Protein backbone atom coordinates (compact mmCIF):
# COMPACT_ATOMS: atom_id res chain seq x y z
CA MET A 1 -14.14 59.17 -0.58
CA ALA A 2 -16.23 57.05 1.73
CA ASP A 3 -19.56 58.39 2.89
CA ASN A 4 -20.42 58.04 6.57
CA GLY A 5 -24.15 57.40 7.08
CA GLY A 6 -25.19 59.38 10.15
CA MET A 7 -28.53 59.47 11.91
CA GLY A 8 -28.80 63.25 11.62
CA ARG A 9 -28.84 63.30 7.81
CA VAL A 10 -31.39 65.55 6.13
CA ASP A 11 -32.22 66.53 2.57
CA PRO A 12 -29.92 69.47 1.67
CA ASN A 13 -32.75 70.93 -0.42
CA ASP A 14 -35.39 70.76 2.35
CA ASP A 15 -36.07 74.46 2.79
CA ASN A 16 -38.34 73.88 5.79
CA VAL A 17 -35.61 72.92 8.28
CA LYS A 18 -32.39 74.37 9.62
CA ARG A 19 -29.62 72.29 8.09
CA TRP A 20 -25.86 72.23 8.01
CA VAL A 21 -24.61 71.44 4.50
CA VAL A 22 -21.11 70.07 3.83
CA ARG A 23 -19.73 71.08 0.44
CA ARG A 24 -16.68 70.09 -1.57
CA TYR A 25 -15.03 72.63 -3.84
CA ALA A 26 -13.67 70.65 -6.76
CA TYR A 27 -13.79 70.20 -10.50
CA ASP A 28 -17.19 69.06 -11.77
CA PRO A 29 -16.69 67.20 -15.06
CA ALA A 30 -20.40 67.42 -15.91
CA ARG A 31 -20.23 71.23 -15.91
CA HIS A 32 -16.57 71.62 -16.92
CA GLN A 33 -15.82 73.98 -14.03
CA ARG A 34 -14.79 74.12 -10.40
CA ARG A 35 -17.70 74.63 -8.05
CA HIS A 36 -19.15 73.79 -4.65
CA GLN A 37 -20.80 70.36 -4.66
CA VAL A 38 -23.07 69.13 -1.87
CA VAL A 39 -21.61 66.18 0.03
CA ALA A 40 -24.13 65.79 2.86
CA ALA A 41 -26.52 67.72 5.09
CA PHE A 42 -27.19 67.31 8.80
CA ASP A 43 -29.74 68.47 11.33
CA ASN A 44 -27.01 69.29 13.85
CA GLU A 45 -23.76 71.17 13.84
CA GLN A 46 -21.74 68.44 15.60
CA GLU A 47 -22.10 65.89 12.80
CA PHE A 48 -21.56 68.65 10.23
CA MET A 49 -18.25 69.68 11.82
CA ALA A 50 -17.18 66.05 12.30
CA LEU A 51 -17.64 65.28 8.60
CA ILE A 52 -15.79 68.42 7.49
CA LYS A 53 -12.91 67.53 9.82
CA ALA A 54 -12.82 63.92 8.57
CA ARG A 55 -12.93 64.92 4.91
CA LYS A 56 -10.21 67.55 5.44
CA ALA A 57 -8.00 64.92 7.11
CA GLU A 58 -8.60 62.53 4.22
CA LEU A 59 -7.74 65.23 1.68
CA ASP A 60 -4.56 66.11 3.62
CA ARG A 61 -3.60 62.43 3.75
CA GLN A 62 -4.09 62.09 -0.01
CA ARG A 63 -1.91 65.14 -0.63
CA ASP A 64 0.79 63.84 1.75
CA GLU A 65 0.82 60.49 -0.07
CA GLY A 66 1.28 62.22 -3.42
CA GLU A 67 -2.17 61.44 -4.82
CA ALA A 68 -3.48 63.71 -7.56
CA VAL A 69 -5.52 66.25 -5.60
CA HIS A 70 -5.87 69.74 -7.03
CA PRO A 71 -4.43 72.45 -4.73
CA LEU A 72 -7.70 74.41 -4.85
CA GLU A 73 -9.84 71.49 -3.65
CA TYR A 74 -11.26 71.78 -0.14
CA PHE A 75 -14.29 71.04 2.07
CA SER A 76 -16.47 73.69 3.68
CA GLY A 77 -20.05 74.20 4.70
CA VAL A 78 -23.03 76.48 5.01
CA ALA A 79 -25.99 76.60 7.37
CA PRO A 80 -28.90 78.21 5.52
CA GLU A 81 -31.91 79.24 7.57
CA PRO A 82 -35.31 77.72 6.78
CA GLY A 83 -36.85 79.52 3.81
CA TYR A 84 -33.48 80.53 2.34
CA ARG A 85 -34.00 78.82 -1.04
CA ARG A 86 -37.50 80.28 -1.39
CA ARG A 87 -36.22 83.78 -0.58
CA MET A 88 -33.39 83.47 -3.09
CA ALA A 89 -35.78 82.23 -5.80
CA LEU A 90 -38.05 85.19 -5.08
CA LYS A 91 -35.09 87.55 -5.21
CA ARG A 92 -34.18 86.19 -8.67
CA LEU A 93 -37.79 86.67 -9.78
CA GLU A 94 -37.77 90.25 -8.51
CA TRP A 95 -34.49 90.97 -10.30
CA LYS A 96 -35.78 89.53 -13.57
CA ALA A 97 -39.03 91.51 -13.30
CA ILE A 98 -37.20 94.76 -12.58
CA SER A 99 -34.42 94.31 -15.14
CA ARG A 100 -36.84 93.36 -17.91
CA GLY A 101 -39.42 96.03 -17.12
CA ALA A 102 -42.11 93.42 -16.59
CA ALA A 103 -45.73 94.47 -16.47
CA LEU A 104 -47.32 92.35 -13.75
CA SER A 105 -51.04 92.25 -13.13
CA GLU A 106 -52.50 93.29 -9.78
CA GLU A 107 -53.50 89.66 -9.25
CA VAL A 108 -49.88 88.50 -9.57
CA MET A 109 -48.61 91.38 -7.45
CA LEU A 110 -50.96 90.46 -4.60
CA ARG A 111 -50.41 86.70 -4.87
CA VAL A 112 -46.62 86.75 -4.57
CA ASP A 113 -45.07 86.95 -1.09
CA TRP A 114 -42.70 89.83 -1.84
CA ARG A 115 -39.87 90.66 0.53
CA PRO A 116 -40.76 93.61 2.80
CA GLU A 117 -37.97 95.84 1.45
CA VAL A 118 -39.30 95.59 -2.12
CA GLY A 119 -41.85 98.13 -3.26
CA PHE A 120 -43.88 98.36 -6.45
CA PHE A 121 -46.43 100.73 -7.85
CA TRP A 122 -48.87 100.38 -10.68
CA SER A 123 -51.52 102.40 -12.43
CA ALA A 124 -55.16 101.75 -11.66
CA GLY A 125 -56.04 103.04 -15.10
CA GLY A 126 -54.83 100.09 -17.12
CA GLY A 127 -51.11 100.73 -16.97
CA THR A 128 -50.88 103.19 -19.86
CA PRO A 129 -50.21 106.93 -19.64
CA GLU A 130 -53.60 107.58 -21.24
CA GLY A 131 -55.27 105.59 -18.39
């Protein structure tokens, strides 16, 4: 499928800006599974919607002409807020720490920008029941 180079293109991984990310749900041969794959990202909703509409029309045309397009393939999009990737990475870190019973030092606890709804406690006596 042809890529249309728009002026409002942004890096889909730039977590510092609001971005509208167009994704294609299709088979990924590198991972041997169907998944969402990033097609493009924009700094405005108009270009985002225009590309989704154009890609959907192209997919419909291919299906109408009998081309081999899987029935589950489609285009969609997301609009993550700035900081989304950082928050999700932190959430994964929190989950790993909790699920593995990690013992984190006070230095680490104070250095990490924990989400406000997460609470921790630790012993001032060295972390052992004997203190």
